């Protein structure tokens, strides 16, 4: 993420299998190694909000289905390395060096860190931050495999 791969992106084939880490069946968002997979439905919403992303085509197979043109590697270009106010946040890490947060009790973002971006990736905790408007659109679209957490369940403040 953060680096453009559009000019050098090869044909990549991905076999998707059901596992215990995500809902059964095809979902709109899947975390894989080495990239995140987004459905065409999710990509359409992100494009509507002009998110700074690349949508790199994948040839996906699920069971006997071949799903060419329906799934993409999501390459977010808006990467924030120092958006979190560490002094006022309460975050438990199991690997802080790689931004692997396991318990986020309170997240305080630095004033202006995200700006007007509808989508950004917070490397410090390995999570996406989305605007309220984008979160509403994602929920209303009925996407599967994605979870938005509102401020009432995930206390987040901007600045102090």
N, C-alpha and C. Protein backbone atom coordinates (compact mmCIF):
# COMPACT_ATOMS: atom_id res chain seq x y z
N UNK A 1 0.83 -1.18 0.00
CA UNK A 1 0.00 0.00 0.00
C UNK A 1 0.88 1.24 0.00
N UNK A 2 0.34 2.28 -0.62
CA UNK A 2 1.05 3.54 -0.66
C UNK A 2 1.91 3.71 -1.89
N UNK A 3 2.26 2.64 -2.56
CA UNK A 3 3.09 2.69 -3.76
C UNK A 3 2.23 2.22 -4.93
N UNK A 4 2.38 2.87 -6.08
CA UNK A 4 1.59 2.49 -7.25
C UNK A 4 2.15 1.23 -7.90
N UNK A 5 1.24 0.30 -8.21
CA UNK A 5 1.63 -0.92 -8.91
C UNK A 5 0.91 -1.06 -10.25
N UNK A 6 0.11 -0.07 -10.63
CA UNK A 6 -0.72 -0.18 -11.82
C UNK A 6 0.10 -0.49 -13.08
N UNK A 7 1.25 0.13 -13.25
CA UNK A 7 2.04 -0.04 -14.47
C UNK A 7 2.72 -1.41 -14.54
N UNK A 8 2.94 -2.04 -13.40
CA UNK A 8 3.68 -3.31 -13.39
C UNK A 8 2.85 -4.49 -12.91
N UNK A 9 1.55 -4.29 -12.70
CA UNK A 9 0.70 -5.33 -12.13
C UNK A 9 0.55 -6.48 -13.11
N UNK A 10 0.98 -7.68 -12.74
CA UNK A 10 0.84 -8.84 -13.63
C UNK A 10 -0.56 -9.47 -13.49
N UNK A 11 -0.82 -10.47 -14.31
CA UNK A 11 -2.04 -11.25 -14.13
C UNK A 11 -1.85 -12.10 -12.88
N UNK A 12 -2.75 -11.92 -11.91
CA UNK A 12 -2.65 -12.69 -10.67
C UNK A 12 -3.93 -13.49 -10.50
N UNK A 13 -3.74 -14.78 -10.28
CA UNK A 13 -4.86 -15.68 -10.03
C UNK A 13 -4.93 -15.99 -8.55
N UNK A 14 -6.14 -15.94 -8.01
CA UNK A 14 -6.35 -16.18 -6.59
C UNK A 14 -7.45 -17.21 -6.42
N UNK A 15 -7.18 -18.25 -5.64
CA UNK A 15 -8.20 -19.22 -5.27
C UNK A 15 -8.72 -18.86 -3.89
N UNK A 16 -10.02 -18.68 -3.79
CA UNK A 16 -10.63 -18.33 -2.51
C UNK A 16 -11.33 -19.57 -1.96
N UNK A 17 -11.04 -19.86 -0.71
CA UNK A 17 -11.67 -20.98 -0.03
C UNK A 17 -12.29 -20.47 1.26
N UNK A 18 -13.36 -21.13 1.69
CA UNK A 18 -13.97 -20.77 2.96
C UNK A 18 -13.02 -21.12 4.09
N UNK A 19 -12.97 -20.26 5.10
CA UNK A 19 -12.17 -20.55 6.29
C UNK A 19 -12.83 -19.91 7.50
N UNK A 20 -12.28 -20.14 8.65
CA UNK A 20 -12.89 -19.66 9.89
C UNK A 20 -12.65 -18.18 10.15
N UNK A 21 -11.82 -17.53 9.36
CA UNK A 21 -11.46 -16.13 9.59
C UNK A 21 -12.45 -15.14 8.98
N UNK A 22 -13.37 -15.61 8.15
CA UNK A 22 -14.30 -14.70 7.51
C UNK A 22 -15.61 -15.43 7.24
N UNK A 23 -16.67 -14.70 6.89
CA UNK A 23 -17.95 -15.36 6.60
C UNK A 23 -17.82 -16.34 5.42
N UNK A 24 -18.62 -17.41 5.45
CA UNK A 24 -18.60 -18.37 4.35
C UNK A 24 -19.09 -17.70 3.06
N UNK A 25 -18.57 -18.18 1.96
CA UNK A 25 -18.98 -17.66 0.66
C UNK A 25 -18.15 -16.47 0.25
N UNK A 26 -18.58 -15.88 -0.84
CA UNK A 26 -17.87 -14.73 -1.37
C UNK A 26 -18.28 -13.48 -0.60
N UNK A 27 -17.30 -12.69 -0.22
CA UNK A 27 -17.56 -11.46 0.52
C UNK A 27 -17.02 -10.28 -0.29
N UNK A 28 -17.35 -9.09 0.16
CA UNK A 28 -16.93 -7.89 -0.55
C UNK A 28 -15.54 -7.40 -0.14
N UNK A 29 -15.04 -7.90 0.97
CA UNK A 29 -13.71 -7.51 1.43
C UNK A 29 -13.06 -8.70 2.11
N UNK A 30 -11.83 -9.00 1.69
CA UNK A 30 -11.09 -10.13 2.26
C UNK A 30 -9.65 -9.71 2.50
N UNK A 31 -9.17 -10.05 3.67
CA UNK A 31 -7.78 -9.78 4.02
C UNK A 31 -6.98 -11.03 3.69
N UNK A 32 -6.04 -10.89 2.79
CA UNK A 32 -5.17 -12.00 2.41
C UNK A 32 -3.73 -11.53 2.50
N UNK A 33 -2.83 -12.45 2.35
CA UNK A 33 -1.42 -12.10 2.26
C UNK A 33 -1.06 -12.27 0.79
N UNK A 34 -0.57 -11.29 0.11
CA UNK A 34 -0.01 -10.02 0.60
C UNK A 34 -0.91 -8.81 0.37
N UNK A 35 -2.19 -8.98 0.00
CA UNK A 35 -3.02 -7.81 -0.26
C UNK A 35 -4.44 -8.02 0.23
N UNK A 36 -5.20 -6.94 0.18
CA UNK A 36 -6.61 -6.99 0.53
C UNK A 36 -7.40 -7.10 -0.76
N UNK A 37 -8.46 -7.89 -0.74
CA UNK A 37 -9.28 -8.10 -1.93
C UNK A 37 -10.60 -7.37 -1.76
N UNK A 38 -10.99 -6.62 -2.79
CA UNK A 38 -12.25 -5.87 -2.78
C UNK A 38 -13.11 -6.30 -3.96
N UNK A 39 -14.41 -6.45 -3.70
CA UNK A 39 -15.34 -6.80 -4.77
C UNK A 39 -15.61 -5.57 -5.63
N UNK A 40 -16.18 -5.79 -6.80
CA UNK A 40 -16.56 -4.68 -7.67
C UNK A 40 -17.57 -3.78 -6.96
N UNK A 41 -18.45 -4.36 -6.12
CA UNK A 41 -19.42 -3.55 -5.36
C UNK A 41 -18.71 -2.57 -4.43
N UNK A 42 -17.71 -3.05 -3.70
CA UNK A 42 -16.95 -2.18 -2.80
C UNK A 42 -16.17 -1.14 -3.60
N UNK A 43 -15.54 -1.57 -4.68
CA UNK A 43 -14.77 -0.65 -5.52
C UNK A 43 -15.67 0.48 -6.04
N UNK A 44 -16.88 0.16 -6.44
CA UNK A 44 -17.80 1.20 -6.93
C UNK A 44 -18.08 2.26 -5.87
N UNK A 45 -18.26 1.84 -4.62
CA UNK A 45 -18.50 2.80 -3.54
C UNK A 45 -17.25 3.65 -3.32
N UNK A 46 -16.08 3.03 -3.29
CA UNK A 46 -14.84 3.77 -3.06
C UNK A 46 -14.58 4.77 -4.20
N UNK A 47 -14.89 4.36 -5.43
CA UNK A 47 -14.73 5.28 -6.57
C UNK A 47 -15.69 6.45 -6.48
N UNK A 48 -16.91 6.19 -6.05
CA UNK A 48 -17.91 7.24 -5.89
C UNK A 48 -17.42 8.33 -4.93
N UNK A 49 -16.66 7.92 -3.92
CA UNK A 49 -16.13 8.87 -2.94
C UNK A 49 -14.73 9.37 -3.31
N UNK A 50 -14.26 8.99 -4.48
CA UNK A 50 -12.94 9.42 -4.98
C UNK A 50 -11.82 9.12 -3.99
N UNK A 51 -11.85 7.91 -3.44
CA UNK A 51 -10.80 7.47 -2.52
C UNK A 51 -9.48 7.32 -3.27
N UNK A 52 -8.40 7.63 -2.60
CA UNK A 52 -7.07 7.52 -3.20
C UNK A 52 -6.63 6.06 -3.14
N UNK A 53 -7.04 5.30 -4.16
CA UNK A 53 -6.75 3.86 -4.21
C UNK A 53 -6.47 3.43 -5.64
N UNK A 54 -5.78 2.32 -5.76
CA UNK A 54 -5.69 1.59 -7.02
C UNK A 54 -6.52 0.33 -6.86
N UNK A 55 -7.19 -0.06 -7.92
CA UNK A 55 -8.00 -1.27 -7.93
C UNK A 55 -7.38 -2.17 -9.00
N UNK A 56 -6.57 -3.11 -8.56
CA UNK A 56 -5.76 -3.93 -9.45
C UNK A 56 -6.48 -5.24 -9.74
N UNK A 57 -6.72 -5.55 -11.01
CA UNK A 57 -7.56 -6.70 -11.36
C UNK A 57 -6.96 -8.04 -10.93
N UNK A 58 -7.86 -8.91 -10.48
CA UNK A 58 -7.49 -10.27 -10.08
C UNK A 58 -8.36 -11.26 -10.85
N UNK A 59 -7.81 -12.42 -11.11
CA UNK A 59 -8.58 -13.53 -11.64
C UNK A 59 -8.86 -14.45 -10.46
N UNK A 60 -10.10 -14.43 -10.00
CA UNK A 60 -10.48 -15.15 -8.79
C UNK A 60 -11.24 -16.42 -9.14
N UNK A 61 -10.93 -17.47 -8.40
CA UNK A 61 -11.69 -18.71 -8.51
C UNK A 61 -12.21 -19.07 -7.13
N UNK A 62 -13.51 -19.36 -7.08
CA UNK A 62 -14.14 -19.81 -5.84
C UNK A 62 -14.90 -21.08 -6.20
N UNK A 63 -14.42 -22.20 -5.70
CA UNK A 63 -15.01 -23.49 -6.11
C UNK A 63 -14.82 -23.66 -7.60
N UNK A 64 -15.89 -23.89 -8.32
CA UNK A 64 -15.79 -24.05 -9.77
C UNK A 64 -16.06 -22.75 -10.52
N UNK A 65 -16.37 -21.67 -9.78
CA UNK A 65 -16.66 -20.37 -10.41
C UNK A 65 -15.37 -19.61 -10.72
N UNK A 66 -15.32 -19.06 -11.91
CA UNK A 66 -14.22 -18.15 -12.28
C UNK A 66 -14.80 -16.75 -12.33
N UNK A 67 -14.21 -15.85 -11.56
CA UNK A 67 -14.80 -14.53 -11.34
C UNK A 67 -13.89 -13.43 -11.88
N UNK A 68 -13.69 -13.41 -13.16
CA UNK A 68 -12.83 -12.42 -13.79
C UNK A 68 -13.57 -11.08 -13.82
N UNK A 69 -12.88 -10.01 -13.37
CA UNK A 69 -13.46 -8.67 -13.40
C UNK A 69 -14.35 -8.35 -12.22
N UNK A 70 -14.50 -9.26 -11.27
CA UNK A 70 -15.39 -9.01 -10.13
C UNK A 70 -14.64 -8.73 -8.83
N UNK A 71 -13.32 -8.98 -8.81
CA UNK A 71 -12.53 -8.75 -7.60
C UNK A 71 -11.21 -8.07 -7.97
N UNK A 72 -10.74 -7.25 -7.02
CA UNK A 72 -9.55 -6.45 -7.24
C UNK A 72 -8.68 -6.45 -5.99
N UNK A 73 -7.37 -6.31 -6.19
CA UNK A 73 -6.47 -6.05 -5.07
C UNK A 73 -6.65 -4.57 -4.75
N UNK A 74 -6.94 -4.28 -3.50
CA UNK A 74 -7.15 -2.89 -3.06
C UNK A 74 -5.81 -2.33 -2.59
N UNK A 75 -5.34 -1.33 -3.31
CA UNK A 75 -4.07 -0.71 -2.99
C UNK A 75 -4.33 0.75 -2.57
N UNK A 76 -4.48 0.96 -1.28
CA UNK A 76 -4.77 2.30 -0.75
C UNK A 76 -3.51 3.15 -0.87
N UNK A 77 -3.69 4.36 -1.39
CA UNK A 77 -2.57 5.27 -1.59
C UNK A 77 -2.42 6.29 -0.46
N UNK A 78 -3.47 6.50 0.28
CA UNK A 78 -3.43 7.46 1.40
C UNK A 78 -2.99 6.70 2.66
N UNK A 79 -1.70 6.74 2.94
CA UNK A 79 -1.11 6.03 4.07
C UNK A 79 -0.66 7.05 5.11
N UNK A 80 -1.12 6.86 6.34
CA UNK A 80 -0.76 7.79 7.41
C UNK A 80 0.08 7.05 8.45
N UNK A 81 1.29 7.55 8.66
CA UNK A 81 2.21 6.88 9.58
C UNK A 81 2.21 7.46 10.99
N UNK A 82 1.76 8.69 11.13
CA UNK A 82 1.80 9.34 12.44
C UNK A 82 0.51 10.11 12.71
N UNK A 83 -0.63 9.49 12.52
CA UNK A 83 -1.92 10.16 12.68
C UNK A 83 -2.45 10.06 14.11
N UNK A 84 -1.93 9.13 14.88
CA UNK A 84 -2.49 8.85 16.20
C UNK A 84 -1.77 9.66 17.28
N UNK A 85 -2.55 10.27 18.16
CA UNK A 85 -2.03 10.96 19.33
C UNK A 85 -1.78 9.88 20.39
N UNK A 86 -0.56 9.39 20.45
CA UNK A 86 -0.21 8.27 21.34
C UNK A 86 -0.34 8.64 22.82
N UNK A 87 -0.16 9.90 23.13
CA UNK A 87 -0.24 10.33 24.53
C UNK A 87 -1.65 10.19 25.09
N UNK A 88 -2.65 10.37 24.25
CA UNK A 88 -4.03 10.35 24.71
C UNK A 88 -4.81 9.11 24.27
N UNK A 89 -4.21 8.26 23.48
CA UNK A 89 -4.86 7.02 23.04
C UNK A 89 -4.55 5.89 24.01
N UNK A 90 -5.43 4.91 24.06
CA UNK A 90 -5.21 3.72 24.87
C UNK A 90 -5.28 2.53 23.93
N UNK A 91 -4.09 2.01 23.58
CA UNK A 91 -3.99 0.94 22.58
C UNK A 91 -3.10 -0.16 23.13
N UNK A 92 -3.58 -1.39 23.05
CA UNK A 92 -2.77 -2.54 23.42
C UNK A 92 -2.25 -3.21 22.15
N UNK A 93 -0.95 -3.40 22.08
CA UNK A 93 -0.34 -4.00 20.90
C UNK A 93 0.18 -5.39 21.22
N UNK A 94 0.07 -6.31 20.26
CA UNK A 94 0.81 -7.56 20.41
C UNK A 94 2.06 -7.52 19.56
N UNK A 95 2.18 -6.55 18.64
CA UNK A 95 3.41 -6.31 17.91
C UNK A 95 3.39 -4.86 17.45
N UNK A 96 3.89 -3.98 18.28
CA UNK A 96 3.82 -2.55 18.01
C UNK A 96 4.64 -2.17 16.78
N UNK A 97 5.78 -2.82 16.57
CA UNK A 97 6.64 -2.50 15.43
C UNK A 97 5.89 -2.65 14.11
N UNK A 98 5.02 -3.64 13.99
CA UNK A 98 4.28 -3.89 12.76
C UNK A 98 2.83 -3.40 12.83
N UNK A 99 2.50 -2.58 13.82
CA UNK A 99 1.17 -1.99 13.93
C UNK A 99 0.07 -3.00 14.18
N UNK A 100 0.38 -4.04 14.94
CA UNK A 100 -0.60 -5.08 15.22
C UNK A 100 -1.28 -4.80 16.56
N UNK A 101 -2.35 -4.02 16.48
CA UNK A 101 -3.10 -3.66 17.68
C UNK A 101 -4.14 -4.73 17.96
N UNK A 102 -4.21 -5.19 19.20
CA UNK A 102 -5.22 -6.19 19.54
C UNK A 102 -6.34 -5.61 20.39
N UNK A 103 -6.08 -4.50 21.03
CA UNK A 103 -7.09 -3.92 21.90
C UNK A 103 -6.97 -2.40 21.81
N UNK A 104 -7.98 -1.78 21.19
CA UNK A 104 -7.99 -0.33 21.08
C UNK A 104 -9.14 0.17 21.95
N UNK A 105 -8.78 0.65 23.12
CA UNK A 105 -9.80 1.13 24.06
C UNK A 105 -10.24 2.55 23.70
N UNK A 106 -9.27 3.37 23.34
CA UNK A 106 -9.59 4.74 22.91
C UNK A 106 -8.57 5.17 21.89
N UNK A 107 -9.05 5.76 20.80
CA UNK A 107 -8.19 6.21 19.72
C UNK A 107 -8.36 7.71 19.55
N UNK A 108 -7.27 8.45 19.71
CA UNK A 108 -7.29 9.89 19.52
C UNK A 108 -6.39 10.20 18.34
N UNK A 109 -6.97 10.85 17.34
CA UNK A 109 -6.21 11.23 16.15
C UNK A 109 -5.71 12.66 16.30
N UNK A 110 -4.53 12.92 15.73
CA UNK A 110 -3.99 14.27 15.75
C UNK A 110 -4.88 15.18 14.90
N UNK A 111 -5.02 16.40 15.34
CA UNK A 111 -5.83 17.39 14.63
C UNK A 111 -5.35 17.49 13.17
N UNK A 112 -6.28 17.34 12.24
CA UNK A 112 -5.96 17.49 10.82
C UNK A 112 -5.21 16.34 10.19
N UNK A 113 -4.99 15.26 10.92
CA UNK A 113 -4.17 14.16 10.40
C UNK A 113 -4.76 13.52 9.15
N UNK A 114 -6.05 13.38 9.10
CA UNK A 114 -6.69 12.71 7.96
C UNK A 114 -7.16 13.72 6.93
N UNK A 115 -7.37 14.95 7.34
CA UNK A 115 -7.84 15.97 6.42
C UNK A 115 -9.23 15.64 5.92
N UNK A 116 -9.48 15.86 4.64
CA UNK A 116 -10.80 15.60 4.08
C UNK A 116 -10.86 14.27 3.34
N UNK A 117 -9.88 13.42 3.56
CA UNK A 117 -9.84 12.12 2.87
C UNK A 117 -10.97 11.21 3.36
N UNK A 118 -11.71 10.58 2.45
CA UNK A 118 -12.76 9.66 2.88
C UNK A 118 -12.21 8.33 3.39
N UNK A 119 -10.97 8.00 2.99
CA UNK A 119 -10.36 6.73 3.36
C UNK A 119 -8.87 6.91 3.53
N UNK A 120 -8.33 6.38 4.62
CA UNK A 120 -6.88 6.39 4.84
C UNK A 120 -6.52 5.14 5.62
N UNK A 121 -5.27 4.71 5.48
CA UNK A 121 -4.79 3.55 6.21
C UNK A 121 -3.85 4.04 7.31
N UNK A 122 -4.15 3.64 8.55
CA UNK A 122 -3.35 4.03 9.70
C UNK A 122 -2.33 2.92 9.98
N UNK A 123 -1.10 3.14 9.57
CA UNK A 123 -0.08 2.09 9.72
C UNK A 123 0.22 1.77 11.18
N UNK A 124 0.02 2.73 12.07
CA UNK A 124 0.34 2.54 13.49
C UNK A 124 -0.51 1.44 14.12
N UNK A 125 -1.71 1.21 13.60
CA UNK A 125 -2.59 0.19 14.18
C UNK A 125 -3.08 -0.82 13.14
N UNK A 126 -2.66 -0.66 11.89
CA UNK A 126 -3.06 -1.61 10.85
C UNK A 126 -4.55 -1.61 10.56
N UNK A 127 -5.18 -0.44 10.61
CA UNK A 127 -6.62 -0.30 10.37
C UNK A 127 -6.88 0.84 9.40
N UNK A 128 -8.06 0.79 8.78
CA UNK A 128 -8.50 1.88 7.92
C UNK A 128 -9.31 2.88 8.74
N UNK A 129 -9.19 4.13 8.38
CA UNK A 129 -10.06 5.18 8.91
C UNK A 129 -10.91 5.66 7.76
N UNK A 130 -12.22 5.80 7.99
CA UNK A 130 -13.12 6.27 6.95
C UNK A 130 -13.95 7.43 7.48
N UNK A 131 -14.36 8.28 6.58
CA UNK A 131 -15.22 9.40 6.97
C UNK A 131 -16.60 8.86 7.34
N UNK A 132 -17.36 9.65 8.08
CA UNK A 132 -18.72 9.25 8.44
C UNK A 132 -19.56 9.01 7.20
N UNK A 133 -19.39 9.85 6.19
CA UNK A 133 -20.17 9.71 4.96
C UNK A 133 -19.86 8.40 4.24
N UNK A 134 -18.58 8.06 4.15
CA UNK A 134 -18.21 6.79 3.51
C UNK A 134 -18.70 5.61 4.34
N UNK A 135 -18.57 5.69 5.65
CA UNK A 135 -19.06 4.61 6.52
C UNK A 135 -20.55 4.38 6.30
N UNK A 136 -21.33 5.46 6.24
CA UNK A 136 -22.78 5.34 6.00
C UNK A 136 -23.06 4.66 4.66
N UNK A 137 -22.33 5.06 3.63
CA UNK A 137 -22.53 4.47 2.30
C UNK A 137 -22.17 2.99 2.30
N UNK A 138 -21.12 2.62 2.98
CA UNK A 138 -20.71 1.21 3.05
C UNK A 138 -21.78 0.37 3.74
N UNK A 139 -22.34 0.89 4.82
CA UNK A 139 -23.38 0.18 5.55
C UNK A 139 -24.65 0.07 4.69
N UNK A 140 -25.05 1.16 4.06
CA UNK A 140 -26.28 1.18 3.26
C UNK A 140 -26.20 0.26 2.05
N UNK A 141 -25.00 0.05 1.53
CA UNK A 141 -24.81 -0.81 0.37
C UNK A 141 -24.98 -2.28 0.73
N UNK A 142 -24.88 -2.60 2.01
CA UNK A 142 -25.05 -3.99 2.45
C UNK A 142 -23.88 -4.88 2.10
N UNK A 143 -22.70 -4.34 2.14
CA UNK A 143 -21.50 -5.11 1.83
C UNK A 143 -21.26 -6.18 2.90
N UNK A 144 -20.70 -7.30 2.48
CA UNK A 144 -20.43 -8.42 3.38
C UNK A 144 -18.92 -8.54 3.58
N UNK A 145 -18.50 -8.78 4.83
CA UNK A 145 -17.08 -9.00 5.11
C UNK A 145 -16.37 -7.75 5.58
N UNK A 146 -17.11 -6.68 5.80
CA UNK A 146 -16.53 -5.44 6.26
C UNK A 146 -17.26 -4.99 7.50
N UNK A 147 -16.54 -4.37 8.38
CA UNK A 147 -17.15 -3.92 9.61
C UNK A 147 -16.75 -2.47 9.86
N UNK A 148 -17.76 -1.63 10.05
CA UNK A 148 -17.47 -0.26 10.46
C UNK A 148 -17.87 -0.15 11.93
N UNK A 149 -17.08 0.58 12.66
CA UNK A 149 -17.33 0.75 14.09
C UNK A 149 -17.52 2.23 14.34
N UNK A 150 -18.68 2.59 14.80
CA UNK A 150 -18.99 3.99 15.05
C UNK A 150 -18.36 4.51 16.32
N UNK A 151 -18.31 5.82 16.46
CA UNK A 151 -17.68 6.42 17.63
C UNK A 151 -18.29 5.99 18.96
N UNK A 152 -19.59 5.66 18.96
CA UNK A 152 -20.21 5.26 20.23
C UNK A 152 -19.71 3.91 20.73
N UNK A 153 -19.23 3.05 19.82
CA UNK A 153 -18.69 1.75 20.21
C UNK A 153 -17.17 1.74 20.26
N UNK A 154 -16.56 2.67 19.57
CA UNK A 154 -15.12 2.73 19.46
C UNK A 154 -14.72 4.18 19.69
N UNK A 155 -14.52 4.58 20.94
CA UNK A 155 -14.33 5.99 21.25
C UNK A 155 -13.12 6.58 20.53
N UNK A 156 -13.38 7.50 19.64
CA UNK A 156 -12.34 8.14 18.86
C UNK A 156 -12.53 9.66 18.96
N UNK A 157 -11.43 10.38 19.17
CA UNK A 157 -11.50 11.83 19.22
C UNK A 157 -10.43 12.38 18.28
N UNK A 158 -10.71 13.56 17.80
CA UNK A 158 -9.72 14.28 17.00
C UNK A 158 -9.17 15.38 17.89
N UNK A 159 -7.87 15.33 18.09
CA UNK A 159 -7.21 16.35 18.91
C UNK A 159 -7.58 16.25 20.37
N UNK A 160 -7.07 17.13 21.16
CA UNK A 160 -7.33 17.09 22.61
C UNK A 160 -7.80 18.44 23.07
